[in-house]
Amino acid sequence: MNNKLLIVLIVVLCMILIGIIAIVFFNWNPQGESPLAIPDVCSCDVDLNCDDFDTQAEAQACFEFCGPEDVHGLDNDGDGVVCESLT
């Protein structure tokens, strides 16, 4: 194999690897869609209930932001979907 061709192949493979790392590590979104924003009302240190959120999606985002434990008690049935009454 030609040395120049081998160098080009290595450079292309490195660029692909860097792209994959950027997508995975930095959660880069090529479609330009912004991830669901954490609602302003969300605080992991304050006692919140479903009435504090405008939508179920906001409550879900706060639930996921605050970690694996249900610090606010928003998931009454333990299925991972919070404030189902807001849907």
C-alpha atoms as a PDB file:
ATOM      1  CA  MET A   1       0.000   0.000   0.000  1.00  0.00           C
ATOM      2  CA  ASN A   2       1.238   3.471  -0.878  1.00  0.00           C
ATOM      3  CA  ASN A   3       2.518   5.432   2.158  1.00  0.00           C
ATOM      4  CA  LYS A   4       0.520   8.543   1.207  1.00  0.00           C
ATOM      5  CA  LEU A   5      -2.676   6.525   0.937  1.00  0.00           C
ATOM      6  CA  LEU A   6      -2.002   4.933   4.315  1.00  0.00           C
ATOM      7  CA  ILE A   7      -1.495   8.357   5.918  1.00  0.00           C
ATOM      8  CA  VAL A   8      -4.741   9.662   4.394  1.00  0.00           C
ATOM      9  CA  LEU A   9      -6.593   6.583   5.656  1.00  0.00           C
ATOM     10  CA  ILE A  10      -5.220   7.052   9.175  1.00  0.00           C
ATOM     11  CA  VAL A  11      -6.166  10.758   9.185  1.00  0.00           C
ATOM     12  CA  VAL A  12      -9.721   9.971   8.016  1.00  0.00           C
ATOM     13  CA  LEU A  13     -10.131   7.277  10.671  1.00  0.00           C
ATOM     14  CA  CYS A  14      -8.855   9.684  13.345  1.00  0.00           C
ATOM     15  CA  MET A  15     -11.343  12.332  12.226  1.00  0.00           C
ATOM     16  CA  ILE A  16     -14.196   9.815  12.416  1.00  0.00           C
ATOM     17  CA  LEU A  17     -13.079   8.749  15.898  1.00  0.00           C
ATOM     18  CA  ILE A  18     -12.895  12.376  17.072  1.00  0.00           C
ATOM     19  CA  GLY A  19     -16.414  12.951  15.719  1.00  0.00           C
ATOM     20  CA  ILE A  20     -17.765   9.942  17.581  1.00  0.00           C
ATOM     21  CA  ILE A  21     -16.091  11.074  20.798  1.00  0.00           C
ATOM     22  CA  ALA A  22     -17.551  14.581  20.376  1.00  0.00           C
ATOM     23  CA  ILE A  23     -21.058  13.194  19.882  1.00  0.00           C
ATOM     24  CA  VAL A  24     -20.893  10.838  22.840  1.00  0.00           C
ATOM     25  CA  PHE A  25     -18.856  12.895  25.299  1.00  0.00           C
ATOM     26  CA  PHE A  26     -20.285  16.336  24.610  1.00  0.00           C
ATOM     27  CA  ASN A  27     -23.774  15.114  23.680  1.00  0.00           C
ATOM     28  CA  TRP A  28     -23.509  17.137  20.472  1.00  0.00           C
ATOM     29  CA  ASN A  29     -26.816  17.413  18.639  1.00  0.00           C
ATOM     30  CA  PRO A  30     -26.305  17.802  14.871  1.00  0.00           C
ATOM     31  CA  GLN A  31     -29.988  18.612  14.269  1.00  0.00           C
ATOM     32  CA  GLY A  32     -29.671  21.727  16.424  1.00  0.00           C
ATOM     33  CA  GLU A  33     -32.460  20.683  18.762  1.00  0.00           C
ATOM     34  CA  SER A  34     -31.932  21.876  22.285  1.00  0.00           C
ATOM     35  CA  PRO A  35     -32.403  19.313  25.032  1.00  0.00           C
ATOM     36  CA  LEU A  36     -35.331  19.758  27.378  1.00  0.00           C
ATOM     37  CA  ALA A  37     -34.421  22.661  29.622  1.00  0.00           C
ATOM     38  CA  ILE A  38     -34.577  22.308  33.373  1.00  0.00           C
ATOM     39  CA  PRO A  39     -37.542  24.385  34.578  1.00  0.00           C
ATOM     40  CA  ASP A  40     -36.740  27.463  36.658  1.00  0.00           C
ATOM     41  CA  VAL A  41     -38.837  26.081  39.494  1.00  0.00           C
ATOM     42  CA  CYS A  42     -36.624  22.981  39.745  1.00  0.00           C
ATOM     43  CA  SER A  43     -34.428  22.829  42.808  1.00  0.00           C
ATOM     44  CA  CYS A  44     -33.241  19.584  44.275  1.00  0.00           C
ATOM     45  CA  ASP A  45     -33.019  21.143  47.754  1.00  0.00           C
ATOM     46  CA  VAL A  46     -36.591  22.511  47.919  1.00  0.00           C
ATOM     47  CA  ASP A  47     -39.680  20.397  48.570  1.00  0.00           C
ATOM     48  CA  LEU A  48     -41.723  20.477  45.361  1.00  0.00           C
ATOM     49  CA  ASN A  49     -44.939  18.791  44.293  1.00  0.00           C
ATOM     50  CA  CYS A  50     -46.717  18.386  40.957  1.00  0.00           C
ATOM     51  CA  ASP A  51     -48.667  21.623  41.433  1.00  0.00           C
ATOM     52  CA  ASP A  52     -45.372  23.529  41.204  1.00  0.00           C
ATOM     53  CA  PHE A  53     -44.960  22.559  37.522  1.00  0.00           C
ATOM     54  CA  ASP A  54     -46.884  23.771  34.476  1.00  0.00           C
ATOM     55  CA  THR A  55     -46.468  20.536  32.513  1.00  0.00           C
ATOM     56  CA  GLN A  56     -45.631  16.906  33.070  1.00  0.00           C
ATOM     57  CA  ALA A  57     -42.541  17.376  30.872  1.00  0.00           C
ATOM     58  CA  GLU A  58     -41.201  20.061  33.228  1.00  0.00           C
ATOM     59  CA  ALA A  59     -41.765  17.833  36.252  1.00  0.00           C
ATOM     60  CA  GLN A  60     -40.099  14.911  34.441  1.00  0.00           C
ATOM     61  CA  ALA A  61     -37.078  17.066  33.535  1.00  0.00           C
ATOM     62  CA  CYS A  62     -36.694  18.148  37.155  1.00  0.00           C
ATOM     63  CA  PHE A  63     -37.074  14.560  38.368  1.00  0.00           C
ATOM     64  CA  GLU A  64     -34.340  13.378  35.994  1.00  0.00           C
ATOM     65  CA  PHE A  65     -32.100  16.365  36.786  1.00  0.00           C
ATOM     66  CA  CYS A  66     -32.174  15.684  40.525  1.00  0.00           C
ATOM     67  CA  GLY A  67     -30.863  12.172  40.133  1.00  0.00           C
ATOM     68  CA  PRO A  68     -31.960   8.602  40.456  1.00  0.00           C
ATOM     69  CA  GLU A  69     -33.771   9.094  43.758  1.00  0.00           C
ATOM     70  CA  ASP A  70     -37.214  10.698  43.825  1.00  0.00           C
ATOM     71  CA  VAL A  71     -36.168  13.566  46.111  1.00  0.00           C
ATOM     72  CA  HIS A  72     -39.507  15.366  45.665  1.00  0.00           C
ATOM     73  CA  GLY A  73     -41.828  12.363  45.853  1.00  0.00           C
ATOM     74  CA  LEU A  74     -43.232  13.089  42.370  1.00  0.00           C
ATOM     75  CA  ASP A  75     -43.363   9.449  41.231  1.00  0.00           C
ATOM     76  CA  ASN A  76     -46.147   7.963  43.344  1.00  0.00           C
ATOM     77  CA  ASP A  77     -46.266   4.568  41.631  1.00  0.00           C
ATOM     78  CA  GLY A  78     -42.505   4.163  41.077  1.00  0.00           C
ATOM     79  CA  ASP A  79     -42.719   3.682  37.305  1.00  0.00           C
ATOM     80  CA  GLY A  80     -40.293   6.501  36.480  1.00  0.00           C
ATOM     81  CA  VAL A  81     -43.028   8.729  35.060  1.00  0.00           C
ATOM     82  CA  VAL A  82     -43.798  11.626  37.396  1.00  0.00           C
ATOM     83  CA  CYS A  83     -46.844  13.831  37.836  1.00  0.00           C
ATOM     84  CA  GLU A  84     -48.963  11.704  35.535  1.00  0.00           C
ATOM     85  CA  SER A  85     -51.982  13.832  36.471  1.00  0.00           C
ATOM     86  CA  LEU A  86     -50.429  16.721  34.482  1.00  0.00           C
ATOM     87  CA  THR A  87     -50.586  14.803  31.176  1.00  0.00           C
END
